[in-house]
Protein backbone atom coordinates (compact mmCIF):
# COMPACT_ATOMS: atom_id res chain seq x y z
CA MET A 1 -100.51 -95.08 50.91
CA ASP A 2 -99.23 -93.72 54.21
CA LYS A 3 -96.83 -90.85 53.57
CA LYS A 4 -95.75 -90.80 57.24
CA GLY A 5 -96.00 -87.07 57.64
CA LEU A 6 -94.18 -86.13 54.42
CA ASN A 7 -95.28 -82.80 52.99
CA PHE A 8 -95.37 -81.94 49.31
CA LEU A 9 -91.80 -80.53 49.33
CA GLY A 10 -90.43 -83.65 51.02
CA ARG A 11 -92.17 -85.93 48.51
CA PHE A 12 -90.91 -83.75 45.66
CA PHE A 13 -87.29 -83.98 46.81
CA LEU A 14 -87.66 -87.74 47.34
CA LYS A 15 -88.88 -87.97 43.76
CA CYS A 16 -85.87 -85.95 42.64
CA SER A 17 -83.56 -88.42 44.36
CA GLY A 18 -85.02 -91.29 42.34
CA ALA A 19 -86.16 -93.15 45.45
CA SER A 20 -89.24 -95.37 45.26
CA PHE A 21 -92.12 -94.13 47.44
CA GLU A 22 -93.33 -97.68 47.95
CA ILE A 23 -89.98 -98.73 49.41
CA ILE A 24 -88.81 -95.49 51.09
CA ASN A 25 -92.05 -95.27 53.11
CA LYS A 26 -91.11 -98.53 54.80
CA CYS A 27 -87.86 -96.95 56.03
CA PRO A 28 -87.22 -94.91 59.20
CA GLU A 29 -87.50 -91.14 59.10
CA PHE A 30 -83.72 -90.55 59.03
CA GLU A 31 -83.50 -92.57 55.79
CA ARG A 32 -86.22 -90.50 54.16
CA ILE A 33 -84.49 -87.30 55.29
CA LYS A 34 -81.21 -88.50 53.76
CA TYR A 35 -82.76 -89.18 50.38
CA ALA A 36 -84.80 -85.97 50.49
CA SER A 37 -81.55 -84.07 51.07
CA ILE A 38 -79.94 -85.87 48.13
CA GLY A 39 -82.95 -85.00 45.98
CA ALA A 40 -82.77 -81.35 47.06
CA THR A 41 -79.10 -81.23 46.00
CA ILE A 42 -79.98 -82.72 42.62
CA PHE A 43 -82.83 -80.23 42.15
CA PHE A 44 -80.76 -77.16 43.04
CA THR A 45 -77.93 -78.37 40.82
CA ALA A 46 -80.41 -78.51 37.95
CA LEU A 47 -81.58 -75.00 38.91
CA LEU A 48 -78.00 -73.75 38.78
CA ALA A 49 -77.63 -75.48 35.40
CA PHE A 50 -80.68 -73.55 34.18
CA ILE A 51 -79.28 -70.20 35.38
CA SER A 52 -75.84 -70.98 33.97
CA SER A 53 -77.13 -72.10 30.56
CA PHE A 54 -79.59 -69.19 30.40
CA TYR A 55 -76.74 -66.69 30.83
CA GLY A 56 -74.46 -68.58 28.44
CA LEU A 57 -77.12 -68.82 25.73
CA SER A 58 -78.02 -65.14 26.17
CA GLN A 59 -74.44 -64.34 25.10
CA ILE A 60 -74.95 -66.32 21.89
CA PHE A 61 -78.62 -65.77 20.95
CA ASP A 62 -80.81 -62.67 21.17
CA SER A 63 -84.28 -64.26 21.28
CA TYR A 64 -85.59 -65.29 24.70
CA LEU A 65 -88.10 -67.53 22.91
CA LEU A 66 -85.11 -69.64 21.93
CA ILE A 67 -82.96 -69.12 25.04
CA PHE A 68 -85.58 -70.12 27.64
CA PRO A 69 -86.59 -73.54 26.17
CA LEU A 70 -82.95 -74.43 25.49
CA ALA A 71 -82.01 -73.55 29.09
CA VAL A 72 -84.93 -75.64 30.40
CA PHE A 73 -83.90 -78.51 28.13
CA TRP A 74 -80.30 -78.36 29.38
CA SER A 75 -81.37 -78.24 33.05
CA ILE A 76 -83.63 -81.28 32.49
CA ILE A 77 -80.68 -83.16 30.98
CA ILE A 78 -78.50 -82.30 34.00
CA PHE A 79 -81.33 -83.22 36.39
CA ASN A 80 -81.89 -86.63 34.83
CA LEU A 81 -78.16 -87.27 34.55
CA ASP A 82 -77.56 -86.50 38.24
CA ARG A 83 -80.65 -88.50 39.20
CA TYR A 84 -79.40 -91.49 37.23
CA ILE A 85 -75.88 -91.22 38.69
CA VAL A 86 -77.23 -91.30 42.26
CA GLN A 87 -79.98 -93.84 41.60
CA SER A 88 -77.71 -96.32 39.84
CA LEU A 89 -75.15 -96.39 42.66
CA ARG A 90 -75.61 -99.18 45.18
CA SER A 91 -73.99 -99.11 48.61
CA GLY A 92 -71.85 -102.22 48.86
CA ASP A 93 -69.98 -103.89 51.68
CA SER A 94 -66.57 -102.95 50.22
CA LYS A 95 -65.83 -99.23 49.99
CA TYR A 96 -63.01 -99.94 47.51
CA GLU A 97 -65.30 -101.87 45.16
CA SER A 98 -67.97 -99.17 45.49
CA PHE A 99 -65.41 -96.48 44.58
CA ILE A 100 -64.16 -98.44 41.56
CA ILE A 101 -67.72 -98.95 40.32
CA SER A 102 -68.66 -95.31 40.89
CA PHE A 103 -65.42 -93.82 39.49
CA PRO A 104 -66.79 -93.25 35.94
CA ARG A 105 -69.91 -91.65 37.46
CA LEU A 106 -67.66 -89.44 39.62
CA ILE A 107 -65.69 -88.27 36.58
CA LEU A 108 -68.95 -87.54 34.76
CA ALA A 109 -70.23 -85.54 37.73
CA ILE A 110 -67.02 -83.46 37.79
CA LEU A 111 -67.32 -82.72 34.07
CA VAL A 112 -70.93 -81.65 34.51
CA ALA A 113 -69.92 -79.36 37.39
CA ILE A 114 -67.20 -77.70 35.28
CA ILE A 115 -69.63 -77.16 32.38
CA ILE A 116 -72.21 -75.61 34.71
CA SER A 117 -69.72 -73.38 36.53
CA LYS A 118 -68.05 -71.75 33.51
CA PRO A 119 -70.90 -69.40 32.45
CA LEU A 120 -71.41 -68.27 36.04
CA GLU A 121 -67.67 -67.69 36.47
CA VAL A 122 -67.75 -65.55 33.32
CA LYS A 123 -70.64 -63.52 34.75
CA LEU A 124 -69.01 -63.06 38.16
CA PHE A 125 -65.70 -61.90 36.67
CA GLU A 126 -67.22 -59.98 33.78
CA ASP A 127 -65.49 -56.69 34.69
CA GLU A 128 -62.05 -58.29 34.87
CA ILE A 129 -62.63 -60.17 31.62
CA THR A 130 -63.83 -57.01 29.83
CA ALA A 131 -60.79 -55.06 31.06
CA TYR A 132 -58.48 -57.87 29.93
CA LEU A 133 -60.07 -58.05 26.46
CA ILE A 134 -59.84 -54.26 26.06
CA GLN A 135 -56.19 -54.33 27.10
CA GLN A 136 -55.48 -57.17 24.68
CA LYS A 137 -57.22 -55.25 21.92
CA ILE A 138 -55.13 -52.15 22.62
CA GLU A 139 -51.88 -54.13 22.69
CA LYS A 140 -52.65 -56.05 19.50
CA THR A 141 -53.67 -52.84 17.74
CA ALA A 142 -50.46 -51.13 18.87
CA GLU A 143 -48.39 -54.08 17.61
CA LEU A 144 -50.20 -53.95 14.29
CA GLU A 145 -49.70 -50.19 13.95
CA LEU A 146 -46.03 -50.49 14.87
CA ARG A 147 -45.42 -53.25 12.33
CA TYR A 148 -47.03 -51.35 9.47
CA LYS A 149 -45.39 -48.12 10.61
CA GLU A 150 -42.01 -49.82 10.20
CA GLU A 151 -42.94 -51.02 6.71
CA MET A 152 -44.14 -47.56 5.71
CA LYS A 153 -40.97 -46.03 7.14
CA ALA A 154 -38.85 -48.40 5.03
CA LEU A 155 -40.82 -47.42 1.91
CA ASN A 156 -40.40 -43.72 2.66
CA ILE A 157 -36.67 -44.23 3.10
CA GLN A 158 -36.52 -45.89 -0.33
CA LYS A 159 -38.55 -43.08 -1.85
CA SER A 160 -36.29 -40.45 -0.32
CA SER A 161 -33.24 -42.34 -1.54
CA TYR A 162 -34.49 -42.48 -5.13
CA GLN A 163 -35.56 -38.84 -4.98
CA LYS A 164 -32.23 -37.66 -3.56
CA THR A 165 -30.24 -39.69 -6.09
CA PHE A 166 -32.22 -38.18 -8.96
CA GLU A 167 -31.91 -34.65 -7.55
CA ASP A 168 -28.13 -35.11 -7.27
CA LYS A 169 -28.05 -36.12 -10.92
CA LEU A 170 -30.15 -33.06 -11.80
CA GLN A 171 -27.64 -30.85 -10.02
CA LEU A 172 -24.80 -32.56 -11.87
CA ARG A 173 -26.58 -31.90 -15.18
CA GLU A 174 -27.01 -28.28 -14.17
CA LYS A 175 -23.29 -28.10 -13.44
CA TYR A 176 -22.47 -29.56 -16.89
CA TYR A 177 -24.80 -27.01 -18.46
CA LYS A 178 -23.14 -24.08 -16.63
CA ASP A 179 -19.67 -25.33 -17.64
CA TYR A 180 -20.85 -25.64 -21.22
CA MET A 181 -22.36 -22.12 -21.31
CA CYS A 182 -19.43 -20.63 -19.44
CA GLU A 183 -16.92 -22.04 -21.93
CA CYS A 184 -18.95 -20.96 -24.96
CA ASN A 185 -19.41 -17.41 -23.54
CA GLY A 186 -15.69 -17.15 -22.78
CA THR A 187 -16.21 -16.41 -19.08
CA CYS A 188 -14.22 -19.46 -17.94
CA GLY A 189 -12.00 -22.24 -19.20
CA THR A 190 -10.04 -21.08 -22.27
CA GLY A 191 -11.61 -17.63 -22.05
CA VAL A 192 -12.27 -17.60 -25.81
CA LYS A 193 -15.81 -16.77 -26.75
CA GLY A 194 -17.37 -18.85 -29.49
CA ARG A 195 -17.89 -22.40 -30.63
CA GLY A 196 -14.48 -23.85 -30.13
CA ILE A 197 -13.34 -27.39 -29.46
CA GLU A 198 -13.74 -27.03 -25.69
CA CYS A 199 -17.22 -25.60 -26.13
CA GLU A 200 -18.29 -28.49 -28.36
CA GLU A 201 -16.83 -31.08 -25.99
CA ARG A 202 -18.71 -29.61 -23.05
CA LYS A 203 -21.87 -29.39 -25.14
CA ILE A 204 -21.57 -33.07 -26.09
CA LYS A 205 -20.95 -33.99 -22.44
CA TYR A 206 -24.00 -32.02 -21.31
CA GLU A 207 -26.30 -33.40 -24.01
CA SER A 208 -25.09 -36.97 -23.46
CA TYR A 209 -25.69 -36.70 -19.73
CA SER A 210 -29.11 -35.11 -20.38
CA SER A 211 -30.06 -38.14 -22.52
CA GLU A 212 -28.92 -40.50 -19.77
CA LEU A 213 -30.81 -38.46 -17.19
CA LYS A 214 -33.99 -38.73 -19.26
CA ILE A 215 -33.75 -42.54 -19.11
CA GLU A 216 -32.91 -42.30 -15.41
CA ARG A 217 -35.98 -40.12 -14.86
CA GLU A 218 -38.20 -42.82 -16.40
CA LYS A 219 -36.58 -45.47 -14.18
CA THR A 220 -37.02 -43.29 -11.12
CA ASN A 221 -40.68 -42.63 -11.95
CA LEU A 222 -41.28 -46.37 -12.40
CA GLU A 223 -39.65 -47.10 -9.04
CA MET A 224 -41.67 -44.36 -7.37
CA GLN A 225 -44.87 -45.78 -8.86
CA ARG A 226 -43.92 -49.26 -7.69
CA LEU A 227 -43.30 -47.97 -4.17
CA SER A 228 -46.61 -46.06 -4.23
CA LEU A 229 -48.47 -49.24 -5.21
CA ARG A 230 -46.64 -51.07 -2.46
CA GLU A 231 -47.70 -48.35 -0.03
CA GLN A 232 -51.35 -48.71 -1.11
CA GLU A 233 -51.13 -52.48 -0.64
CA ILE A 234 -49.73 -52.03 2.85
CA LEU A 235 -52.49 -49.57 3.76
CA LYS A 236 -55.14 -51.93 2.37
CA ARG A 237 -53.70 -54.89 4.26
CA SER A 238 -53.39 -52.80 7.40
CA ASN A 239 -57.07 -51.80 7.24
CA SER A 240 -58.11 -55.40 6.58
CA GLU A 241 -56.11 -56.74 9.53
CA ARG A 242 -57.37 -53.95 11.72
CA GLU A 243 -60.97 -54.87 10.90
CA THR A 244 -60.21 -58.55 11.52
CA LEU A 245 -58.62 -57.64 14.83
CA GLN A 246 -61.64 -55.57 15.84
CA ALA A 247 -63.95 -58.48 14.97
CA SER A 248 -61.83 -60.99 16.90
CA PHE A 249 -62.30 -58.97 20.10
CA ASN A 250 -66.08 -58.72 19.91
CA GLN A 251 -66.32 -60.03 23.50
CA GLY A 252 -68.51 -62.99 22.61
CA PHE A 253 -69.23 -65.75 25.09
CA PHE A 254 -66.43 -68.05 23.97
CA ASP A 255 -64.00 -65.11 23.89
CA LYS A 256 -64.90 -64.47 27.52
CA ILE A 257 -64.31 -68.12 28.45
CA ARG A 258 -60.90 -67.97 26.78
CA ALA A 259 -60.15 -64.69 28.53
CA LEU A 260 -61.19 -66.20 31.87
CA GLN A 261 -58.35 -68.72 31.54
CA GLU A 262 -55.91 -65.97 30.57
CA VAL A 263 -56.92 -63.69 33.43
CA GLY A 264 -55.93 -66.44 35.85
CA ASN A 265 -58.17 -65.21 38.65
CA PHE A 266 -57.60 -67.72 41.42
CA ALA A 267 -61.06 -67.09 42.86
CA SER A 268 -62.62 -68.68 39.76
CA TYR A 269 -61.07 -72.00 40.76
CA PHE A 270 -62.75 -71.80 44.15
CA ILE A 271 -66.10 -71.25 42.43
CA MET A 272 -65.48 -74.23 40.19
CA MET A 273 -64.53 -76.35 43.24
CA ILE A 274 -67.79 -75.32 44.94
CA PHE A 275 -69.77 -76.53 41.93
CA ILE A 276 -67.79 -79.77 41.85
CA MET A 277 -68.48 -80.26 45.55
CA VAL A 278 -72.21 -79.62 45.07
CA GLU A 279 -72.39 -81.88 42.01
CA THR A 280 -70.51 -84.76 43.62
CA ALA A 281 -72.09 -84.38 47.09
CA PRO A 282 -74.97 -86.87 46.51
CA LEU A 283 -72.57 -89.41 45.02
CA LEU A 284 -70.01 -89.01 47.80
CA THR A 285 -72.77 -89.16 50.40
CA LYS A 286 -73.88 -92.55 49.12
CA LEU A 287 -70.29 -93.76 48.87
CA SER A 288 -69.37 -92.69 52.39
CA SER A 289 -72.57 -93.90 54.07
CA LYS A 290 -73.16 -97.46 55.19
CA LYS A 291 -75.76 -99.67 53.65
CA GLY A 292 -79.05 -98.33 54.98
CA PRO A 293 -82.58 -99.66 55.26
CA TYR A 294 -83.50 -98.40 51.80
CA ASP A 295 -80.55 -100.24 50.23
CA ASN A 296 -81.51 -103.45 52.04
CA LEU A 297 -85.12 -103.15 50.89
CA ILE A 298 -83.96 -102.48 47.33
CA MET A 299 -81.79 -105.61 47.44
CA GLN A 300 -84.73 -107.57 48.84
CA ALA A 301 -87.05 -106.29 46.09
CA GLU A 302 -84.46 -107.15 43.43
CA PHE A 303 -83.98 -110.62 44.95
CA GLU A 304 -87.73 -111.25 45.03
CA PHE A 305 -88.09 -110.08 41.45
CA GLU A 306 -85.25 -112.35 40.29
CA THR A 307 -86.72 -115.27 42.23
CA ASP A 308 -90.18 -114.78 40.69
CA PHE A 309 -88.60 -114.37 37.27
CA LEU A 310 -86.68 -117.62 37.64
CA LYS A 311 -89.80 -119.45 38.84
CA ILE A 312 -91.76 -118.24 35.84
CA LYS A 313 -88.86 -119.15 33.59
CA ASP A 314 -88.63 -122.66 35.06
CA PHE A 315 -92.40 -123.05 34.78
CA ASN A 316 -92.34 -122.06 31.13
CA ILE A 317 -89.47 -124.47 30.43
CA ASN A 318 -91.28 -127.34 32.17
CA GLN A 319 -94.51 -126.52 30.36
CA ARG A 320 -92.68 -126.48 27.04
CA GLU A 321 -91.10 -129.85 27.78
CA LYS A 322 -94.51 -131.32 28.72
CA ASN A 323 -96.00 -130.02 25.49
CA GLN A 324 -93.13 -131.51 23.51
CA ARG A 325 -93.56 -134.93 25.25
CA SER A 326 -97.31 -134.85 24.66
CA LEU A 327 -96.79 -134.01 21.00
CA TYR A 328 -94.21 -136.79 20.72
CA GLY A 329 -96.66 -139.31 22.29
CA ILE A 330 -99.45 -138.34 19.89
CA ASN A 331 -97.15 -138.73 16.91
CA SER A 332 -95.96 -142.14 18.15
CA TYR A 333 -99.55 -143.35 18.60
CA ARG A 334 -100.49 -142.27 15.08
CA SER A 335 -97.45 -144.08 13.68
CA MET A 336 -98.44 -147.36 15.44
CA LYS A 337 -102.02 -147.22 14.04
CA LEU A 338 -100.68 -146.76 10.56
């Protein structure tokens, strides 16, 4: 078959575009160049898909024996998808009808471009994303420390309150004891030394308060134990949440994608638009271009195929009808002989 001067690279890109060699070789050179350019765009989009998926998978898996075949598999999917999108689009007479027909393919191409661009955006803005994640980690840790610091402060205030209340009661008991001893020794009060009525009353008051203070001591100890257990629970929960927080900022691939949206770097949108432009370029080229020689030859080949198919179909129907009439005639003849 005459290749009309096409080199290996030109034939390869024509193959990538999904064009038929048998038909495209009947077209002028400008038509072959157009489809070779479309095929080159499809090929390099698949190459970008390979690079993008290779980087994305390397953030998830550690084994290159797994990463490489998965990246190749993904790039083949993108290649065949783009090839199908371009190959299935036919240039029609009405641009509006062509756009309506190609609209689902256009949406699909945009989605593919976004999926391809994200890992590369993450790689390009890796420093900004890392700085953002570190800052978020510091802020979340500070919030966590502040919250538990407030809880621990409240517990310490309660402890101090219980301790101060009990110490005040101890001082009051000490005062009752001094009054009792002072009265009994005759150094204060009535000034009479010995076990008089006043001495006995102050003794009873001191001993009664000492009994109450003993019960109060047990209550205070129980409250202090409860607060200590509460403090241990807070420390345990604080350590658990701190570990969870550390694990949540492990800077995995999906964390970086989430951080990319939070960073809000406007340049990332330009990169995504470039990928969308590259991905939709073959489709938009076919939509914007007039019906060319290749499209006319494709329509002719489809028409000839449909015509031959209908002829064969009609022939088979006629042959079946003849067979049925012949069978009917044989059956009628047998019936007459009988």
